[in-house]
Protein backbone atom coordinates (compact mmCIF):
# COMPACT_ATOMS: atom_id res chain seq x y z
CA MET A 1 -0.11 0.26 0.04
CA ILE A 2 2.58 2.57 0.94
CA GLN A 3 4.84 1.30 -2.12
CA ASN A 4 2.21 2.14 -4.31
CA CYS A 5 1.56 5.60 -2.95
CA LEU A 6 5.29 6.16 -2.92
CA ASN A 7 5.12 5.82 -6.51
CA GLU A 8 2.19 8.00 -7.03
CA ILE A 9 3.33 11.14 -5.30
CA TYR A 10 7.03 10.88 -7.14
CA ALA A 11 5.27 10.60 -10.84
CA CYS A 12 3.30 13.19 -9.67
CA MET A 13 6.34 15.14 -8.95
CA GLY A 14 8.03 14.21 -12.58
CA ILE A 15 9.90 11.13 -11.35
CA GLU A 16 9.40 8.24 -14.19
CA LYS A 17 8.69 4.98 -13.57
CA GLU A 18 12.33 3.83 -14.87
CA VAL A 19 13.84 6.37 -12.88
CA SER A 20 11.95 5.33 -9.98
CA ALA A 21 12.28 1.59 -10.21
CA TYR A 22 15.99 1.87 -11.14
CA GLY A 23 16.74 3.82 -7.92
CA HIS A 24 14.91 1.37 -5.78
CA GLY A 25 16.34 -1.38 -7.23
CA ILE A 26 19.92 0.48 -5.95
CA LEU A 27 18.53 0.58 -2.42
CA GLN A 28 18.23 -2.87 -1.55
CA LYS A 29 22.15 -3.42 -1.76
CA LEU A 30 22.61 -0.35 0.82
CA GLU A 31 20.74 -1.63 4.16
CA PRO A 32 24.22 -2.34 5.22
CA ARG A 33 25.79 0.77 4.65
CA PHE A 34 23.02 2.59 6.03
CA ARG A 35 23.56 0.66 9.16
CA GLU A 36 26.89 1.64 9.66
CA ILE A 37 26.17 5.11 8.99
CA ASP A 38 23.52 5.31 11.64
CA GLU A 39 25.64 3.76 14.05
CA ILE A 40 28.29 6.29 13.57
CA ALA A 41 25.57 9.07 13.86
CA GLU A 42 24.47 7.58 17.17
CA TYR A 43 27.71 8.00 18.46
CA ASN A 44 28.63 11.42 17.22
CA GLN A 45 25.20 12.47 19.02
CA LEU A 46 26.03 10.59 22.28
CA LYS A 47 29.10 13.00 22.21
CA VAL A 48 27.37 16.25 21.51
CA ILE A 49 25.30 15.37 24.37
CA LYS A 50 27.96 14.66 26.73
CA ALA A 51 29.60 17.77 25.99
CA MET A 52 26.57 19.75 26.39
CA GLN A 53 26.22 17.85 29.42
CA GLU A 54 29.75 18.58 30.96
CA SER A 55 29.89 22.59 29.83
CA GLN A 56 26.18 23.08 32.04
CA VAL A 57 24.33 24.12 29.19
CA SER A 58 21.23 26.03 30.27
CA GLU A 59 18.47 27.47 29.13
CA ALA A 60 20.37 31.28 30.01
CA CYS A 61 22.96 30.05 27.30
CA LEU A 62 20.29 30.32 24.33
CA LEU A 63 19.91 34.08 25.18
CA GLY A 64 21.85 36.36 23.04
CA THR A 65 23.63 40.08 23.66
CA THR A 66 24.37 42.85 21.74
CA GLY A 67 26.55 46.17 21.27
CA TYR A 68 29.78 44.50 22.46
CA GLY A 69 28.50 41.39 23.52
CA TYR A 70 30.81 41.34 26.96
CA ASN A 71 30.08 38.60 29.19
CA ASP A 72 28.47 36.54 27.00
CA LEU A 73 27.47 33.60 28.71
CA GLY A 74 25.78 31.57 25.88
CA ARG A 75 28.66 32.44 23.40
CA ASP A 76 31.38 31.50 25.66
CA LYS A 77 29.41 28.28 27.13
CA LEU A 78 29.03 27.59 22.82
CA GLU A 79 32.82 27.98 22.49
CA GLU A 80 33.61 25.58 25.33
CA VAL A 81 31.20 22.55 23.99
CA TYR A 82 33.23 23.24 20.84
CA ALA A 83 36.51 22.70 22.47
CA GLY A 84 34.75 19.72 23.92
CA ILE A 85 33.77 18.20 20.97
CA PHE A 86 36.50 18.49 18.88
CA ARG A 87 38.90 17.65 21.69
CA THR A 88 40.72 21.00 21.89
CA GLU A 89 42.33 23.41 24.19
CA ASP A 90 39.93 26.00 22.94
CA ALA A 91 37.81 27.12 20.30
CA LEU A 92 36.35 30.45 18.79
CA VAL A 93 32.59 29.84 17.27
CA ARG A 94 31.16 33.28 16.00
CA PRO A 95 28.55 34.89 13.89
CA GLN A 96 31.09 37.17 12.90
CA ILE A 97 33.05 34.36 11.02
CA THR A 98 31.45 34.89 7.32
CA CYS A 99 31.97 31.52 5.89
CA GLY A 100 34.63 28.43 5.78
CA THR A 101 36.34 30.71 3.44
CA HIS A 102 36.81 33.46 6.16
CA ALA A 103 37.18 30.81 9.04
CA LEU A 104 40.84 29.52 7.22
CA ALA A 105 41.72 33.08 6.15
CA LEU A 106 41.63 34.23 9.71
CA ALA A 107 43.00 31.10 10.96
CA LEU A 108 45.56 31.20 8.27
CA MET A 109 46.17 35.35 9.00
CA SER A 110 46.62 35.48 12.73
CA ASN A 111 48.91 32.56 13.20
CA LEU A 112 51.40 33.66 10.03
CA ARG A 113 53.99 36.19 10.31
CA PRO A 114 55.69 38.38 7.07
CA GLY A 115 58.75 36.31 6.24
CA ASP A 116 56.77 32.70 6.95
CA GLU A 117 55.91 30.06 4.50
CA LEU A 118 52.81 28.17 4.42
CA LEU A 119 52.95 24.51 3.14
CA SER A 120 49.85 22.46 1.37
CA PRO A 121 51.00 18.79 1.20
CA VAL A 122 48.04 17.78 -0.19
CA GLY A 123 47.80 19.98 -3.66
CA LYS A 124 45.89 22.68 -4.81
CA PRO A 125 43.90 24.26 -2.28
CA TYR A 126 40.34 24.64 -2.79
CA ASP A 127 39.70 27.96 -5.32
CA THR A 128 38.49 30.57 -3.01
CA LEU A 129 41.82 30.32 -0.81
CA GLU A 130 43.61 30.75 -3.75
CA GLU A 131 43.29 34.58 -3.47
CA VAL A 132 43.53 34.53 0.10
CA ILE A 133 47.10 32.59 -0.39
CA GLY A 134 48.24 34.80 -3.33
CA ILE A 135 47.93 32.12 -5.96
CA ARG A 136 45.91 34.37 -7.80
CA PRO A 137 46.80 37.78 -7.32
CA SER A 138 44.18 39.51 -4.74
CA ARG A 139 44.15 42.38 -2.56
CA GLY A 140 45.03 41.92 1.36
CA SER A 141 46.36 37.98 0.49
CA LEU A 142 49.13 36.54 2.50
CA ALA A 143 51.30 37.16 -0.53
CA GLU A 144 51.20 40.86 -0.03
CA TYR A 145 52.17 40.60 3.85
CA GLY A 146 55.36 38.37 3.10
CA ILE A 147 54.31 35.18 3.45
CA THR A 148 55.04 32.80 0.82
CA TYR A 149 53.33 29.37 -0.27
CA ARG A 150 54.89 25.93 -1.31
CA GLN A 151 52.36 23.06 -2.19
CA VAL A 152 53.19 19.35 -2.93
CA ASP A 153 51.02 17.49 -4.94
CA LEU A 154 49.70 14.23 -4.31
CA LEU A 155 51.73 11.33 -6.33
CA SER A 156 48.96 9.63 -8.94
CA ASP A 157 47.36 7.23 -7.14
CA GLY A 158 46.33 9.70 -4.62
CA SER A 159 49.24 8.77 -1.69
CA PHE A 160 51.37 11.39 -0.22
CA ASP A 161 54.98 12.21 -1.71
CA TYR A 162 56.52 12.10 2.05
CA GLU A 163 60.32 12.61 -0.26
CA GLY A 164 58.26 15.66 -1.70
CA ILE A 165 57.27 16.72 1.21
CA ARG A 166 60.61 16.28 3.36
CA GLN A 167 62.31 18.37 1.04
CA ALA A 168 60.01 21.40 0.94
CA LEU A 169 59.94 21.92 4.46
CA ASN A 170 62.58 24.26 5.60
CA GLU A 171 63.06 26.58 8.22
CA ARG A 172 60.90 29.19 7.02
CA THR A 173 57.76 26.95 7.10
CA ARG A 174 55.52 27.87 9.67
CA LEU A 175 52.14 26.52 8.80
CA VAL A 176 51.00 23.01 7.05
CA THR A 177 47.47 23.09 5.37
CA ILE A 178 45.71 20.37 5.12
CA GLN A 179 42.57 20.20 3.14
CA ARG A 180 40.25 17.17 4.41
CA SER A 181 37.94 17.25 1.52
CA LYS A 182 37.90 16.86 -1.98
CA GLY A 183 36.94 20.31 -3.04
CA TYR A 184 36.68 20.92 -7.46
CA GLN A 185 39.27 17.74 -7.54
CA THR A 186 38.36 14.43 -8.09
CA ARG A 187 40.96 13.11 -5.43
CA PRO A 188 39.91 10.66 -2.25
CA THR A 189 38.96 12.62 0.57
CA LEU A 190 41.41 12.27 3.81
CA SER A 191 40.06 10.07 6.23
CA VAL A 192 41.06 11.31 9.61
CA SER A 193 43.79 8.49 10.06
CA ARG A 194 45.45 9.43 6.93
CA ILE A 195 45.62 13.18 8.51
CA GLY A 196 47.20 11.81 11.47
CA GLU A 197 50.13 10.07 9.75
CA LEU A 198 50.72 13.18 7.81
CA ILE A 199 50.70 14.77 10.78
CA SER A 200 52.98 12.81 12.46
CA PHE A 201 55.46 12.69 9.51
CA VAL A 202 55.94 16.50 9.62
CA LYS A 203 56.03 16.99 12.85
CA SER A 204 58.55 14.21 13.11
CA ILE A 205 60.58 16.36 10.99
CA GLN A 206 60.00 19.94 12.23
CA PRO A 207 57.91 19.57 15.72
CA ASP A 208 56.97 23.27 16.44
CA VAL A 209 55.33 23.78 12.58
CA ILE A 210 51.32 24.23 13.00
CA CYS A 211 49.18 21.99 11.09
CA MET A 212 45.91 23.41 10.54
CA VAL A 213 43.03 21.21 9.17
CA ASP A 214 40.44 22.25 6.29
CA ASN A 215 38.07 20.03 8.54
CA CYS A 216 34.76 21.48 5.81
CA TYR A 217 32.53 18.31 4.81
CA GLY A 218 33.98 16.03 7.19
CA GLU A 219 32.56 16.91 10.84
CA PHE A 220 30.60 13.85 12.48
CA VAL A 221 31.32 11.76 9.00
CA GLU A 222 33.81 9.66 11.55
CA THR A 223 34.03 9.06 15.17
CA ARG A 224 37.34 10.90 15.75
CA GLU A 225 38.09 14.29 14.49
CA PRO A 226 41.60 15.54 13.74
CA ALA A 227 42.58 17.18 16.66
CA GLU A 228 42.85 14.28 17.78
CA VAL A 229 45.06 12.78 15.98
CA GLY A 230 47.49 15.94 16.11
CA ALA A 231 46.27 18.94 14.43
CA ASP A 232 46.54 21.95 15.79
CA MET A 233 43.82 23.96 14.84
CA VAL A 234 40.55 22.45 13.30
CA VAL A 235 38.50 24.71 10.87
CA GLY A 236 35.03 24.75 9.41
CA SER A 237 31.76 26.54 8.64
CA LEU A 238 28.18 26.91 10.77
CA ILE A 239 26.47 26.44 7.36
CA LYS A 240 28.06 22.99 6.76
CA ASN A 241 27.68 20.11 8.97
CA PRO A 242 28.07 21.41 12.57
CA GLY A 243 25.48 23.77 11.97
CA GLY A 244 22.76 20.99 11.13
CA GLY A 245 20.94 23.19 8.79
CA LEU A 246 20.02 25.43 11.50
CA ALA A 247 22.70 28.09 11.94
CA PRO A 248 22.00 31.11 9.59
CA ILE A 249 25.78 32.05 9.64
CA GLY A 250 28.82 31.50 11.30
CA GLY A 251 32.19 29.70 11.30
CA TYR A 252 34.54 27.87 13.93
CA ILE A 253 38.25 27.43 14.66
CA ALA A 254 39.17 25.01 17.43
CA GLY A 255 42.59 24.19 18.57
CA THR A 256 45.38 25.19 20.87
CA ARG A 257 44.81 28.05 23.25
CA ASP A 258 47.70 29.96 21.50
CA CYS A 259 45.91 29.13 17.86
CA VAL A 260 42.93 30.26 18.63
CA ALA A 261 43.46 33.10 20.80
CA ASN A 262 45.60 34.39 17.72
CA ALA A 263 42.50 34.25 15.75
CA ALA A 264 40.11 36.00 18.16
CA PHE A 265 42.75 39.01 17.95
CA ARG A 266 42.57 39.10 14.52
CA LEU A 267 38.59 39.00 14.33
CA THR A 268 38.25 41.48 16.72
CA SER A 269 41.05 43.70 17.32
CA PRO A 270 44.65 43.59 19.58
CA GLY A 271 43.38 44.05 23.24
CA LEU A 272 39.92 43.04 22.40
CA GLY A 273 40.41 39.62 21.52
CA ARG A 274 37.76 37.11 22.06
CA GLU A 275 35.92 39.71 24.95
CA VAL A 276 33.68 41.15 22.12
CA GLY A 277 31.43 39.99 19.52
CA ALA A 278 27.26 39.89 20.25
CA SER A 279 25.84 36.45 19.38
CA LEU A 280 22.61 38.61 18.36
CA GLY A 281 20.05 36.38 19.14
CA VAL A 282 21.58 33.49 17.19
CA LEU A 283 22.47 31.19 19.89
CA LYS A 284 19.56 28.98 20.32
CA ASP A 285 20.08 28.11 16.17
CA PHE A 286 23.58 27.51 16.95
CA TYR A 287 23.48 24.79 19.85
CA GLN A 288 20.11 23.24 18.50
CA GLY A 289 22.30 22.99 15.27
CA LEU A 290 24.66 21.35 16.91
CA PHE A 291 22.52 19.02 18.61
CA LEU A 292 21.20 17.45 15.41
CA ALA A 293 24.47 18.00 13.06
CA PRO A 294 25.39 14.15 13.65
CA THR A 295 21.80 13.13 12.40
CA VAL A 296 21.40 15.72 9.44
CA THR A 297 25.29 14.70 8.52
CA ALA A 298 24.41 11.12 8.49
CA ALA A 299 21.52 11.56 6.13
CA ALA A 300 23.93 13.47 3.68
CA LEU A 301 26.01 10.53 3.92
CA LYS A 302 23.59 8.27 2.72
CA GLY A 303 22.17 10.49 0.16
CA ALA A 304 26.16 10.36 -1.19
CA VAL A 305 26.29 6.88 -1.04
CA PHE A 306 23.38 6.53 -2.97
CA ALA A 307 24.16 8.86 -5.59
CA ALA A 308 27.83 7.17 -6.23
CA ASN A 309 25.51 3.65 -6.63
CA LEU A 310 23.05 5.05 -8.72
CA TYR A 311 25.56 7.09 -11.13
CA GLU A 312 28.61 4.20 -11.28
CA PRO A 313 26.56 1.52 -12.83
CA LEU A 314 25.68 4.24 -15.86
CA GLY A 315 29.46 4.32 -16.27
CA PHE A 316 30.33 7.86 -15.34
CA SER A 317 33.48 8.07 -12.51
CA VAL A 318 32.52 8.98 -9.23
CA VAL A 319 35.06 9.43 -6.30
CA PRO A 320 34.52 8.30 -4.02
CA ASP A 321 33.29 4.72 -5.77
CA SER A 322 30.35 3.07 -4.44
CA GLN A 323 32.38 1.01 -2.16
CA GLU A 324 34.95 3.16 -0.81
CA SER A 325 34.56 4.19 3.01
CA ARG A 326 33.12 7.56 3.30
CA HIS A 327 35.64 10.51 4.77
CA ASP A 328 33.18 13.96 3.90
CA ILE A 329 29.19 14.15 2.55
CA ILE A 330 30.65 15.03 -0.83
CA GLN A 331 30.28 12.65 -4.00
CA ALA A 332 31.67 14.28 -6.63
CA VAL A 333 30.65 12.78 -10.59
CA THR A 334 32.12 13.15 -13.93
CA PHE A 335 30.52 13.38 -16.69
CA GLY A 336 32.56 14.65 -19.40
CA ASN A 337 30.77 17.59 -20.77
CA ALA A 338 29.21 20.44 -19.64
CA ASP A 339 25.92 19.97 -20.41
CA SER A 340 25.45 16.72 -18.31
CA VAL A 341 26.88 18.98 -15.03
CA ILE A 342 24.16 21.73 -15.87
CA ALA A 343 21.55 19.35 -16.25
CA PHE A 344 22.73 17.66 -12.91
CA CYS A 345 22.37 21.23 -11.17
CA GLN A 346 19.07 21.75 -12.84
CA GLY A 347 17.79 18.67 -11.27
CA ILE A 348 18.88 19.47 -8.24
CA GLN A 349 17.14 22.79 -8.00
CA ALA A 350 14.19 21.15 -9.23
CA SER A 351 13.71 19.06 -6.11
CA ALA A 352 14.75 22.21 -3.55
CA PRO A 353 11.50 23.54 -1.48
CA VAL A 354 12.75 26.66 -2.34
CA ASP A 355 13.35 28.27 -5.74
CA SER A 356 12.35 24.88 -6.84
CA HIS A 357 11.20 26.95 -10.02
CA VAL A 358 14.57 28.59 -10.58
CA ILE A 359 16.49 27.47 -13.32
CA PRO A 360 20.41 27.55 -12.56
CA GLU A 361 23.28 28.62 -15.19
CA PRO A 362 26.94 29.12 -15.23
CA TRP A 363 27.84 32.37 -14.10
CA ASP A 364 31.37 34.27 -13.01
CA MET A 365 30.80 33.46 -9.64
CA PRO A 366 33.47 35.58 -7.13
CA GLY A 367 37.31 33.51 -6.32
CA TYR A 368 36.73 31.09 -8.97
CA ASP A 369 38.39 30.80 -12.22
CA ALA A 370 35.85 29.72 -14.73
CA LYS A 371 32.00 29.57 -14.64
CA VAL A 372 30.40 28.12 -11.91
CA ILE A 373 27.19 26.30 -11.60
CA MET A 374 25.34 26.01 -8.20
CA ALA A 375 21.94 24.34 -7.43
CA ALA A 376 21.01 25.67 -4.22
CA GLY A 377 16.92 25.79 -3.17
CA ALA A 378 18.05 26.00 0.54
CA PHE A 379 16.41 27.95 3.75
CA VAL A 380 19.67 29.10 4.73
CA SER A 381 21.33 30.75 1.47
CA GLY A 382 24.42 29.20 0.35
CA SER A 383 24.19 26.48 3.12
CA SER A 384 25.96 23.09 1.61
CA ILE A 385 24.66 20.56 3.98
CA GLU A 386 21.22 21.57 2.77
CA LEU A 387 20.49 19.64 -0.71
CA SER A 388 22.59 21.64 -3.06
CA ALA A 389 25.14 20.43 -6.28
CA ASP A 390 27.76 22.81 -7.89
CA GLY A 391 30.85 22.17 -10.26
CA PRO A 392 33.06 24.73 -12.20
CA ILE A 393 32.39 24.71 -16.12
CA LYS A 394 35.72 23.35 -17.18
CA PRO A 395 37.18 19.74 -17.46
CA PRO A 396 37.02 17.05 -16.42
CA TYR A 397 33.64 18.35 -15.75
CA ALA A 398 32.67 16.87 -12.62
CA VAL A 399 29.69 17.93 -10.40
CA TYR A 400 30.15 17.81 -6.75
CA PHE A 401 26.75 17.13 -4.72
CA GLN A 402 26.45 17.12 -0.91
CA GLY A 403 23.65 17.69 2.00
CA GLY A 404 20.13 16.72 2.62
CA LEU A 405 18.74 18.43 5.91
CA THR A 406 16.91 14.37 5.70
CA TRP A 407 17.57 11.20 3.81
CA GLN A 408 14.38 11.41 1.88
CA HIS A 409 14.85 14.92 0.45
CA ALA A 410 18.42 13.44 -1.04
CA LYS A 411 17.07 10.64 -2.39
CA PHE A 412 14.61 12.59 -4.50
CA GLY A 413 16.95 15.04 -5.32
CA ILE A 414 19.44 12.76 -6.58
CA LEU A 415 16.25 10.80 -8.76
CA LYS A 416 15.43 13.78 -9.90
CA SER A 417 18.91 14.81 -11.36
CA LEU A 418 19.36 11.59 -12.65
CA GLN A 419 15.37 12.64 -14.14
CA SER A 420 16.81 15.72 -15.84
CA LEU A 421 19.69 14.00 -17.38
CA VAL A 422 17.20 11.34 -18.62
CA ASN A 423 14.76 14.05 -20.16
CA LYS A 424 17.80 15.80 -22.05
CA GLY A 425 18.41 13.00 -23.74
CA LEU A 426 21.81 12.78 -21.95
CA VAL A 427 21.32 9.39 -20.40
CA GLY A 428 18.69 6.47 -22.48
CA LYS A 429 16.42 4.83 -20.71
CA ASP A 430 17.76 1.68 -21.78
CA ARG A 431 20.31 2.10 -19.46
CA LEU A 432 18.73 2.60 -16.38
CA LYS A 433 18.79 -1.74 -16.04
CA LEU A 434 20.06 -3.13 -12.83
């Protein structure tokens, strides 16, 4: 009975029976994977509750402050909770941190000084960091302040070039940045375990170097976070995993007391630091979003696993592949042509609860070196823990899918993306057979 109802409403929402049946067949194989994801979510849910209880979060913590924000109990307690969850000495969690790129720029600019060198041992960073670093010239970049940059690319099999890293480290290397997720690349995402191996290697050569992990899209995917394997700073955005879809803005930097203090003074002003910065009524959303984050992340993970298993049998390259372990919520699908990237994103947009009537098109987005198409009909603008997809319109023409506040919505969005490809003749119905 319920299956008939589902088939009927899917048909009403534009999913043809061939696409629906193909997706249903894929799902039959995924029950063991989904159980594992639920178990990780349960562990992380308990971890979040434990941190909140140990910090004695109270109803008063959900209130906010205005003006200078002195003695903001809820803000300070939230930072204590983040430090507990991420196993760090301290944390900075603020609505004044506008996005993930801002959080990363803040962490870098506050802990590097003129004459220092920044090293990326995992290849090119995410596109928006290129102007922060000065790879592409921009006002206020690290390069303008006399901070140099060096990178060591991953080897062809995705492993670390340990000898190259050894040669790149020098007396000027002050900070090593490790991007956990793939960004607009088709390399593997780094597991917490692999990040730990890399940090151990770096610190065996230069014990005092700061190791920073860009943790965007990776929070609560595993049972451990990067600080538990030696990271000095862990940085991310609240409109990704840890905000649980409720945080309307914000970012975090969790790490050693010195690194976090440096970031606080850079965020506000020397002499003021973390003592100022009003929470402006967002604390309830920050707390409740964090509480929901493990479950929301699990929903997004199920969507990513489903997408890989849906598109791989159709002959498309997927990273991670259908069987690989997961270390972030992003699923890359390489189509090899711009039309398919656009059709995929238009399908995701058409499945959104907000702006489903809007048709996304590629555009010159600030911070990128090629046109980018983005699908995101979200309750929070730009929130990529909500169902979204994007990709640069350049070879290898890969799309990056992520998010889904509920598994049911993620499933619908993925089916809608495939339906869009079918409607445009980019995938034939004859291929929808297991």
